[in-house]
Amino acid sequence: MSLSDYLNTIGALDAIRVALWLVAAAISVYFSVGSARIWTSISTGFLLVFVSEAYFAYPSADPRISAIHSVVGTIAILAMTHGLQEYYVFSRTLDVGGQKRWVYLAVAATVLASIAFLLINPTPSEATVRNIRMVENATWVFLTVINLDMVRKIYVQVRDTPVARGFLAFSATFALIFLWRGSALYLEVYGWDDAWEHIASAAGMALDPDRFSVRAAIARATQQGAGILASVAASGSFLYVLRLLR
């Protein structure tokens, strides 16, 4: 398959987004290895975002694979949220709360348990995979709002330290993630996403004509643009904090 055929298959913007999240994941891993335990959950969460988004780089016909990637994406935001909560506690008490390896083991165990759950259950239908993806996006939307408030609280606690400006960068990252995941959820709730179009067409169902409206077009553009910008902001935030810590 030529590069042009490949890009036409998965979408050029999807390819760009996945590549940029790979960069963000690599930087987050490097950051985690060279930084204190308190950053481990946050950086691991960003690594899992790439693992989740990697599905779009090589789509599989097996619905379990698609479902697994969505579950990993859900675990990613849970890890980030836990990490930010830990950092907030650290900013108030200076209690680190454990070693890095326990974070890695806990995340790996959660991912493996989720994969096992999907494998022992019936093969999900296309509609089920879409529902799992919708749950993933809903989880991201609500926890991102919480994380924005958590970043604000952390900033208040550390505003007199050099790392404070790094949390301002992370607030921009989470704002872009909110737009990215929120627009995806908006499309899914109203049945304007591509997955629902395929399901409805296969079942002979009529499609909502509003899926071609200006609102749907804006939501799709926001989903693609914010997804790309969020990956750039994530990479930049880790690089910036790394520079501040040094």
C-alpha atoms as a PDB file:
ATOM      1  CA  MET A   1       0.000   0.000   0.000  1.00  0.00           C
ATOM      2  CA  SER A   2       1.377   3.401  -0.962  1.00  0.00           C
ATOM      3  CA  LEU A   3       1.542   6.287   1.503  1.00  0.00           C
ATOM      4  CA  SER A   4      -1.291   8.082  -0.303  1.00  0.00           C
ATOM      5  CA  ASP A   5      -3.508   4.980  -0.163  1.00  0.00           C
ATOM      6  CA  TYR A   6      -2.687   4.526   3.520  1.00  0.00           C
ATOM      7  CA  LEU A   7      -3.566   8.130   4.351  1.00  0.00           C
ATOM      8  CA  ASN A   8      -6.799   7.842   2.400  1.00  0.00           C
ATOM      9  CA  THR A   9      -7.678   4.717   4.384  1.00  0.00           C
ATOM     10  CA  ILE A  10      -7.250   6.164   7.872  1.00  0.00           C
ATOM     11  CA  GLY A  11      -7.482   9.875   7.112  1.00  0.00           C
ATOM     12  CA  ALA A  12      -4.552  12.245   6.905  1.00  0.00           C
ATOM     13  CA  LEU A  13      -5.582  14.143  10.034  1.00  0.00           C
ATOM     14  CA  ASP A  14      -5.905  10.891  12.007  1.00  0.00           C
ATOM     15  CA  ALA A  15      -2.381   9.957  10.910  1.00  0.00           C
ATOM     16  CA  ILE A  16      -1.039  13.343  12.004  1.00  0.00           C
ATOM     17  CA  ARG A  17      -2.827  13.128  15.359  1.00  0.00           C
ATOM     18  CA  VAL A  18      -1.507   9.623  16.072  1.00  0.00           C
ATOM     19  CA  ALA A  19       2.046  10.637  15.101  1.00  0.00           C
ATOM     20  CA  LEU A  20       1.916  13.671  17.384  1.00  0.00           C
ATOM     21  CA  TRP A  21       0.573  11.607  20.288  1.00  0.00           C
ATOM     22  CA  LEU A  22       3.498   9.240  19.717  1.00  0.00           C
ATOM     23  CA  VAL A  23       5.814  12.218  20.230  1.00  0.00           C
ATOM     24  CA  ALA A  24       3.870  13.254  23.351  1.00  0.00           C
ATOM     25  CA  ALA A  25       4.029   9.672  24.681  1.00  0.00           C
ATOM     26  CA  ALA A  26       7.788   9.426  24.099  1.00  0.00           C
ATOM     27  CA  ILE A  27       8.384  12.705  25.901  1.00  0.00           C
ATOM     28  CA  SER A  28       6.103  11.697  28.783  1.00  0.00           C
ATOM     29  CA  VAL A  29       8.002   8.388  29.226  1.00  0.00           C
ATOM     30  CA  TYR A  30      11.344  10.198  29.182  1.00  0.00           C
ATOM     31  CA  PHE A  31       9.960  12.705  31.658  1.00  0.00           C
ATOM     32  CA  SER A  32       8.651   9.950  33.955  1.00  0.00           C
ATOM     33  CA  VAL A  33      11.959   8.088  33.988  1.00  0.00           C
ATOM     34  CA  GLY A  34      13.940  11.184  34.872  1.00  0.00           C
ATOM     35  CA  SER A  35      11.514  12.774  37.337  1.00  0.00           C
ATOM     36  CA  ALA A  36      10.102  12.171  40.788  1.00  0.00           C
ATOM     37  CA  ARG A  37       7.515   9.497  41.612  1.00  0.00           C
ATOM     38  CA  ILE A  38       4.782  12.112  41.900  1.00  0.00           C
ATOM     39  CA  TRP A  39       4.729  12.646  38.113  1.00  0.00           C
ATOM     40  CA  THR A  40       4.505   8.947  37.216  1.00  0.00           C
ATOM     41  CA  SER A  41       0.722   8.524  37.041  1.00  0.00           C
ATOM     42  CA  ILE A  42       0.300  11.697  34.990  1.00  0.00           C
ATOM     43  CA  SER A  43       2.947  10.774  32.430  1.00  0.00           C
ATOM     44  CA  THR A  44       1.734   7.150  32.264  1.00  0.00           C
ATOM     45  CA  GLY A  45      -1.738   8.424  31.483  1.00  0.00           C
ATOM     46  CA  PHE A  46      -0.427  10.411  28.517  1.00  0.00           C
ATOM     47  CA  LEU A  47       1.461   7.323  27.315  1.00  0.00           C
ATOM     48  CA  LEU A  48      -1.797   5.361  27.353  1.00  0.00           C
ATOM     49  CA  VAL A  49      -3.436   8.056  25.226  1.00  0.00           C
ATOM     50  CA  PHE A  50      -1.060   7.144  22.425  1.00  0.00           C
ATOM     51  CA  VAL A  51      -1.727   3.424  22.958  1.00  0.00           C
ATOM     52  CA  SER A  52      -5.436   4.172  22.632  1.00  0.00           C
ATOM     53  CA  GLU A  53      -5.056   6.421  19.596  1.00  0.00           C
ATOM     54  CA  ALA A  54      -2.653   3.974  17.888  1.00  0.00           C
ATOM     55  CA  TYR A  55      -5.718   2.015  16.752  1.00  0.00           C
ATOM     56  CA  PHE A  56      -6.382   4.704  14.148  1.00  0.00           C
ATOM     57  CA  ALA A  57      -2.914   4.178  12.697  1.00  0.00           C
ATOM     58  CA  TYR A  58      -3.710   0.546  11.900  1.00  0.00           C
ATOM     59  CA  PRO A  59      -7.462  -0.147  12.159  1.00  0.00           C
ATOM     60  CA  SER A  60      -8.376  -3.769  12.842  1.00  0.00           C
ATOM     61  CA  ALA A  61     -11.360  -5.738  11.613  1.00  0.00           C
ATOM     62  CA  ASP A  62     -11.564  -7.412  15.032  1.00  0.00           C
ATOM     63  CA  PRO A  63     -14.066  -5.436  17.160  1.00  0.00           C
ATOM     64  CA  ARG A  64     -12.322  -6.609  20.328  1.00  0.00           C
ATOM     65  CA  ILE A  65      -9.197  -4.681  19.298  1.00  0.00           C
ATOM     66  CA  SER A  66     -11.189  -1.503  18.853  1.00  0.00           C
ATOM     67  CA  ALA A  67     -12.919  -2.051  22.200  1.00  0.00           C
ATOM     68  CA  ILE A  68      -9.585  -2.673  23.938  1.00  0.00           C
ATOM     69  CA  HIS A  69      -8.178   0.603  22.635  1.00  0.00           C
ATOM     70  CA  SER A  70     -11.208   2.490  23.948  1.00  0.00           C
ATOM     71  CA  VAL A  71     -10.874   0.835  27.349  1.00  0.00           C
ATOM     72  CA  VAL A  72      -7.175   1.764  27.427  1.00  0.00           C
ATOM     73  CA  GLY A  73      -8.181   5.341  26.604  1.00  0.00           C
ATOM     74  CA  THR A  74     -10.535   5.340  29.597  1.00  0.00           C
ATOM     75  CA  ILE A  75      -7.780   4.030  31.857  1.00  0.00           C
ATOM     76  CA  ALA A  76      -5.529   6.821  30.551  1.00  0.00           C
ATOM     77  CA  ILE A  77      -7.718   9.614  31.897  1.00  0.00           C
ATOM     78  CA  LEU A  78      -8.238   7.713  35.162  1.00  0.00           C
ATOM     79  CA  ALA A  79      -4.450   7.504  35.598  1.00  0.00           C
ATOM     80  CA  MET A  80      -4.052  11.219  34.882  1.00  0.00           C
ATOM     81  CA  THR A  81      -6.790  12.135  37.326  1.00  0.00           C
ATOM     82  CA  HIS A  82      -5.262   9.955  40.039  1.00  0.00           C
ATOM     83  CA  GLY A  83      -1.865  11.509  39.351  1.00  0.00           C
ATOM     84  CA  LEU A  84      -3.160  15.057  39.662  1.00  0.00           C
ATOM     85  CA  GLN A  85      -4.947  14.200  42.891  1.00  0.00           C
ATOM     86  CA  GLU A  86      -1.704  12.750  44.218  1.00  0.00           C
ATOM     87  CA  TYR A  87       0.172  15.878  43.197  1.00  0.00           C
ATOM     88  CA  TYR A  88      -2.380  18.066  44.954  1.00  0.00           C
ATOM     89  CA  VAL A  89      -1.925  16.059  48.156  1.00  0.00           C
ATOM     90  CA  PHE A  90       1.850  16.330  47.690  1.00  0.00           C
ATOM     91  CA  SER A  91       1.618  20.099  47.226  1.00  0.00           C
ATOM     92  CA  ARG A  92      -0.105  20.369  50.601  1.00  0.00           C
ATOM     93  CA  THR A  93       1.633  17.671  52.639  1.00  0.00           C
ATOM     94  CA  LEU A  94       4.880  16.870  50.728  1.00  0.00           C
ATOM     95  CA  ASP A  95       3.885  13.192  51.021  1.00  0.00           C
ATOM     96  CA  VAL A  96       5.077  11.339  47.887  1.00  0.00           C
ATOM     97  CA  GLY A  97       3.021   8.238  48.623  1.00  0.00           C
ATOM     98  CA  GLY A  98       5.002   5.300  47.244  1.00  0.00           C
ATOM     99  CA  GLN A  99       7.392   4.101  44.567  1.00  0.00           C
ATOM    100  CA  LYS A 100       7.202   4.301  40.788  1.00  0.00           C
ATOM    101  CA  ARG A 101       7.002   0.582  40.216  1.00  0.00           C
ATOM    102  CA  TRP A 102       3.679   0.351  42.042  1.00  0.00           C
ATOM    103  CA  VAL A 103       2.167   2.864  39.645  1.00  0.00           C
ATOM    104  CA  TYR A 104       3.383   0.894  36.625  1.00  0.00           C
ATOM    105  CA  LEU A 105       2.186  -2.396  38.134  1.00  0.00           C
ATOM    106  CA  ALA A 106      -1.233  -0.994  39.042  1.00  0.00           C
ATOM    107  CA  VAL A 107      -1.784   0.471  35.573  1.00  0.00           C
ATOM    108  CA  ALA A 108      -0.558  -2.707  33.847  1.00  0.00           C
ATOM    109  CA  ALA A 109      -2.807  -4.871  36.042  1.00  0.00           C
ATOM    110  CA  THR A 110      -5.819  -2.679  35.268  1.00  0.00           C
ATOM    111  CA  VAL A 111      -5.158  -2.840  31.521  1.00  0.00           C
ATOM    112  CA  LEU A 112      -4.658  -6.618  31.574  1.00  0.00           C
ATOM    113  CA  ALA A 113      -7.791  -7.174  33.685  1.00  0.00           C
ATOM    114  CA  SER A 114      -9.830  -5.041  31.263  1.00  0.00           C
ATOM    115  CA  ILE A 115      -8.475  -6.949  28.261  1.00  0.00           C
ATOM    116  CA  ALA A 116      -9.279 -10.258  29.976  1.00  0.00           C
ATOM    117  CA  PHE A 117     -12.825  -9.040  30.651  1.00  0.00           C
ATOM    118  CA  LEU A 118     -13.341  -8.244  26.966  1.00  0.00           C
ATOM    119  CA  LEU A 119     -11.843 -11.550  25.837  1.00  0.00           C
ATOM    120  CA  ILE A 120     -13.984 -13.774  28.080  1.00  0.00           C
ATOM    121  CA  ASN A 121     -17.179 -12.029  27.000  1.00  0.00           C
ATOM    122  CA  PRO A 122     -18.946 -12.377  23.628  1.00  0.00           C
ATOM    123  CA  THR A 123     -17.392 -10.568  20.683  1.00  0.00           C
ATOM    124  CA  PRO A 124     -18.834  -7.040  20.799  1.00  0.00           C
ATOM    125  CA  SER A 125     -20.979  -5.873  17.933  1.00  0.00           C
ATOM    126  CA  GLU A 126     -20.252  -2.671  16.062  1.00  0.00           C
ATOM    127  CA  ALA A 127     -22.931  -0.934  18.124  1.00  0.00           C
ATOM    128  CA  THR A 128     -21.363  -2.223  21.348  1.00  0.00           C
ATOM    129  CA  VAL A 129     -17.934  -0.952  20.308  1.00  0.00           C
ATOM    130  CA  ARG A 130     -19.514   2.437  19.612  1.00  0.00           C
ATOM    131  CA  ASN A 131     -21.129   2.406  23.064  1.00  0.00           C
ATOM    132  CA  ILE A 132     -17.773   1.637  24.674  1.00  0.00           C
ATOM    133  CA  ARG A 133     -16.224   4.515  22.744  1.00  0.00           C
ATOM    134  CA  MET A 134     -19.015   6.805  23.893  1.00  0.00           C
ATOM    135  CA  VAL A 135     -18.418   5.805  27.517  1.00  0.00           C
ATOM    136  CA  GLU A 136     -14.720   6.552  26.982  1.00  0.00           C
ATOM    137  CA  ASN A 137     -15.445  10.031  25.635  1.00  0.00           C
ATOM    138  CA  ALA A 138     -17.961  10.754  28.390  1.00  0.00           C
ATOM    139  CA  THR A 139     -15.412   9.736  31.023  1.00  0.00           C
ATOM    140  CA  TRP A 140     -12.816  12.008  29.427  1.00  0.00           C
ATOM    141  CA  VAL A 141     -15.193  14.966  29.304  1.00  0.00           C
ATOM    142  CA  PHE A 142     -16.280  14.808  32.937  1.00  0.00           C
ATOM    143  CA  LEU A 143     -12.866  13.962  34.394  1.00  0.00           C
ATOM    144  CA  THR A 144     -11.184  16.644  32.294  1.00  0.00           C
ATOM    145  CA  VAL A 145     -13.437  19.232  33.922  1.00  0.00           C
ATOM    146  CA  ILE A 146     -12.363  17.876  37.315  1.00  0.00           C
ATOM    147  CA  ASN A 147      -8.725  17.921  36.228  1.00  0.00           C
ATOM    148  CA  LEU A 148      -8.945  21.541  35.140  1.00  0.00           C
ATOM    149  CA  ASP A 149     -10.131  22.433  38.629  1.00  0.00           C
ATOM    150  CA  MET A 150      -7.447  20.200  40.150  1.00  0.00           C
ATOM    151  CA  VAL A 151      -4.729  21.942  38.100  1.00  0.00           C
ATOM    152  CA  ARG A 152      -6.066  25.286  39.333  1.00  0.00           C
ATOM    153  CA  LYS A 153      -5.861  24.108  42.943  1.00  0.00           C
ATOM    154  CA  ILE A 154      -2.318  22.804  42.432  1.00  0.00           C
ATOM    155  CA  TYR A 155      -1.298  26.106  40.846  1.00  0.00           C
ATOM    156  CA  VAL A 156      -2.595  28.003  43.892  1.00  0.00           C
ATOM    157  CA  GLN A 157      -0.469  25.782  46.142  1.00  0.00           C
ATOM    158  CA  VAL A 158       2.745  26.001  44.068  1.00  0.00           C
ATOM    159  CA  ARG A 159       2.375  29.453  42.504  1.00  0.00           C
ATOM    160  CA  ASP A 160       5.556  30.672  44.200  1.00  0.00           C
ATOM    161  CA  THR A 161       7.672  27.865  42.714  1.00  0.00           C
ATOM    162  CA  PRO A 162       9.175  27.586  39.193  1.00  0.00           C
ATOM    163  CA  VAL A 163       6.971  24.601  38.312  1.00  0.00           C
ATOM    164  CA  ALA A 164       3.802  26.710  38.674  1.00  0.00           C
ATOM    165  CA  ARG A 165       3.987  27.911  35.069  1.00  0.00           C
ATOM    166  CA  GLY A 166       4.133  24.281  33.970  1.00  0.00           C
ATOM    167  CA  PHE A 167       0.695  23.706  35.428  1.00  0.00           C
ATOM    168  CA  LEU A 168      -0.619  26.652  33.447  1.00  0.00           C
ATOM    169  CA  ALA A 169       0.613  24.794  30.358  1.00  0.00           C
ATOM    170  CA  PHE A 170      -1.173  21.641  31.495  1.00  0.00           C
ATOM    171  CA  SER A 171      -4.381  23.626  31.993  1.00  0.00           C
ATOM    172  CA  ALA A 172      -4.219  24.602  28.313  1.00  0.00           C
ATOM    173  CA  THR A 173      -3.640  20.945  27.423  1.00  0.00           C
ATOM    174  CA  PHE A 174      -6.701  19.785  29.351  1.00  0.00           C
ATOM    175  CA  ALA A 175      -8.813  22.584  27.867  1.00  0.00           C
ATOM    176  CA  LEU A 176      -7.923  21.329  24.380  1.00  0.00           C
ATOM    177  CA  ILE A 177      -8.617  17.742  25.440  1.00  0.00           C
ATOM    178  CA  PHE A 178     -12.048  18.859  26.657  1.00  0.00           C
ATOM    179  CA  LEU A 179     -12.792  20.326  23.229  1.00  0.00           C
ATOM    180  CA  TRP A 180     -11.444  17.225  21.480  1.00  0.00           C
ATOM    181  CA  ARG A 181     -13.354  14.651  23.496  1.00  0.00           C
ATOM    182  CA  GLY A 182     -16.364  16.874  24.057  1.00  0.00           C
ATOM    183  CA  SER A 183     -16.953  17.412  20.344  1.00  0.00           C
ATOM    184  CA  ALA A 184     -16.564  13.664  19.733  1.00  0.00           C
ATOM    185  CA  LEU A 185     -19.146  12.951  22.439  1.00  0.00           C
ATOM    186  CA  TYR A 186     -21.472  15.589  21.000  1.00  0.00           C
ATOM    187  CA  LEU A 187     -21.373  13.883  17.598  1.00  0.00           C
ATOM    188  CA  GLU A 188     -22.005  10.468  19.143  1.00  0.00           C
ATOM    189  CA  VAL A 189     -24.906  11.599  21.314  1.00  0.00           C
ATOM    190  CA  TYR A 190     -26.726  13.029  18.295  1.00  0.00           C
ATOM    191  CA  GLY A 191     -25.792  10.129  16.010  1.00  0.00           C
ATOM    192  CA  TRP A 192     -23.707  12.290  13.690  1.00  0.00           C
ATOM    193  CA  ASP A 193     -20.510  10.226  13.965  1.00  0.00           C
ATOM    194  CA  ASP A 194     -19.176   7.944  11.215  1.00  0.00           C
ATOM    195  CA  ALA A 195     -19.680   4.797  13.287  1.00  0.00           C
ATOM    196  CA  TRP A 196     -23.402   5.447  13.618  1.00  0.00           C
ATOM    197  CA  GLU A 197     -23.658   6.189   9.901  1.00  0.00           C
ATOM    198  CA  HIS A 198     -22.196   2.761   9.138  1.00  0.00           C
ATOM    199  CA  ILE A 199     -24.446   1.007  11.661  1.00  0.00           C
ATOM    200  CA  ALA A 200     -27.577   2.793  10.464  1.00  0.00           C
ATOM    201  CA  SER A 201     -26.792   2.188   6.804  1.00  0.00           C
ATOM    202  CA  ALA A 202     -26.211  -1.535   7.411  1.00  0.00           C
ATOM    203  CA  ALA A 203     -29.526  -1.786   9.252  1.00  0.00           C
ATOM    204  CA  GLY A 204     -31.419   0.189   6.619  1.00  0.00           C
ATOM    205  CA  MET A 205     -32.200   2.987   9.044  1.00  0.00           C
ATOM    206  CA  ALA A 206     -32.740   6.575   7.980  1.00  0.00           C
ATOM    207  CA  LEU A 207     -29.947   8.966   8.919  1.00  0.00           C
ATOM    208  CA  ASP A 208     -30.602  12.248  10.663  1.00  0.00           C
ATOM    209  CA  PRO A 209     -30.293  14.949   7.980  1.00  0.00           C
ATOM    210  CA  ASP A 210     -28.885  17.327  10.620  1.00  0.00           C
ATOM    211  CA  ARG A 211     -25.638  15.301  10.616  1.00  0.00           C
ATOM    212  CA  PHE A 212     -24.677  17.409   7.594  1.00  0.00           C
ATOM    213  CA  SER A 213     -25.542  20.688   9.305  1.00  0.00           C
ATOM    214  CA  VAL A 214     -23.172  23.497  10.176  1.00  0.00           C
ATOM    215  CA  ARG A 215     -23.171  22.397  13.820  1.00  0.00           C
ATOM    216  CA  ALA A 216     -22.043  18.891  12.926  1.00  0.00           C
ATOM    217  CA  ALA A 217     -19.351  20.259  10.612  1.00  0.00           C
ATOM    218  CA  ILE A 218     -18.051  22.567  13.351  1.00  0.00           C
ATOM    219  CA  ALA A 219     -18.005  19.674  15.827  1.00  0.00           C
ATOM    220  CA  ARG A 220     -16.030  17.481  13.400  1.00  0.00           C
ATOM    221  CA  ALA A 221     -13.542  20.264  12.711  1.00  0.00           C
ATOM    222  CA  THR A 222     -13.177  20.900  16.452  1.00  0.00           C
ATOM    223  CA  GLN A 223     -12.633  17.205  17.125  1.00  0.00           C
ATOM    224  CA  GLN A 224      -9.845  16.938  14.560  1.00  0.00           C
ATOM    225  CA  GLY A 225      -8.189  20.282  15.302  1.00  0.00           C
ATOM    226  CA  ALA A 226      -8.345  20.056  19.096  1.00  0.00           C
ATOM    227  CA  GLY A 227      -7.044  16.471  19.007  1.00  0.00           C
ATOM    228  CA  ILE A 228      -3.965  17.584  17.117  1.00  0.00           C
ATOM    229  CA  LEU A 229      -3.425  20.706  19.233  1.00  0.00           C
ATOM    230  CA  ALA A 230      -3.861  18.707  22.456  1.00  0.00           C
ATOM    231  CA  SER A 231      -1.014  16.381  21.461  1.00  0.00           C
ATOM    232  CA  VAL A 232       1.204  19.373  20.690  1.00  0.00           C
ATOM    233  CA  ALA A 233       0.264  21.019  23.998  1.00  0.00           C
ATOM    234  CA  ALA A 234       0.952  17.792  25.929  1.00  0.00           C
ATOM    235  CA  SER A 235       4.421  17.479  24.398  1.00  0.00           C
ATOM    236  CA  GLY A 236       5.156  21.133  24.997  1.00  0.00           C
ATOM    237  CA  SER A 237       3.938  20.971  28.604  1.00  0.00           C
ATOM    238  CA  PHE A 238       6.221  18.078  29.518  1.00  0.00           C
ATOM    239  CA  LEU A 239       9.189  19.725  27.794  1.00  0.00           C
ATOM    240  CA  TYR A 240       8.465  22.986  29.574  1.00  0.00           C
ATOM    241  CA  VAL A 241       8.130  21.363  33.011  1.00  0.00           C
ATOM    242  CA  LEU A 242      11.294  19.356  32.366  1.00  0.00           C
ATOM    243  CA  ARG A 243      13.123  22.594  31.647  1.00  0.00           C
ATOM    244  CA  LEU A 244      11.683  24.227  34.776  1.00  0.00           C
ATOM    245  CA  LEU A 245      12.729  21.312  36.995  1.00  0.00           C
ATOM    246  CA  ARG A 246      16.280  21.521  35.697  1.00  0.00           C
END
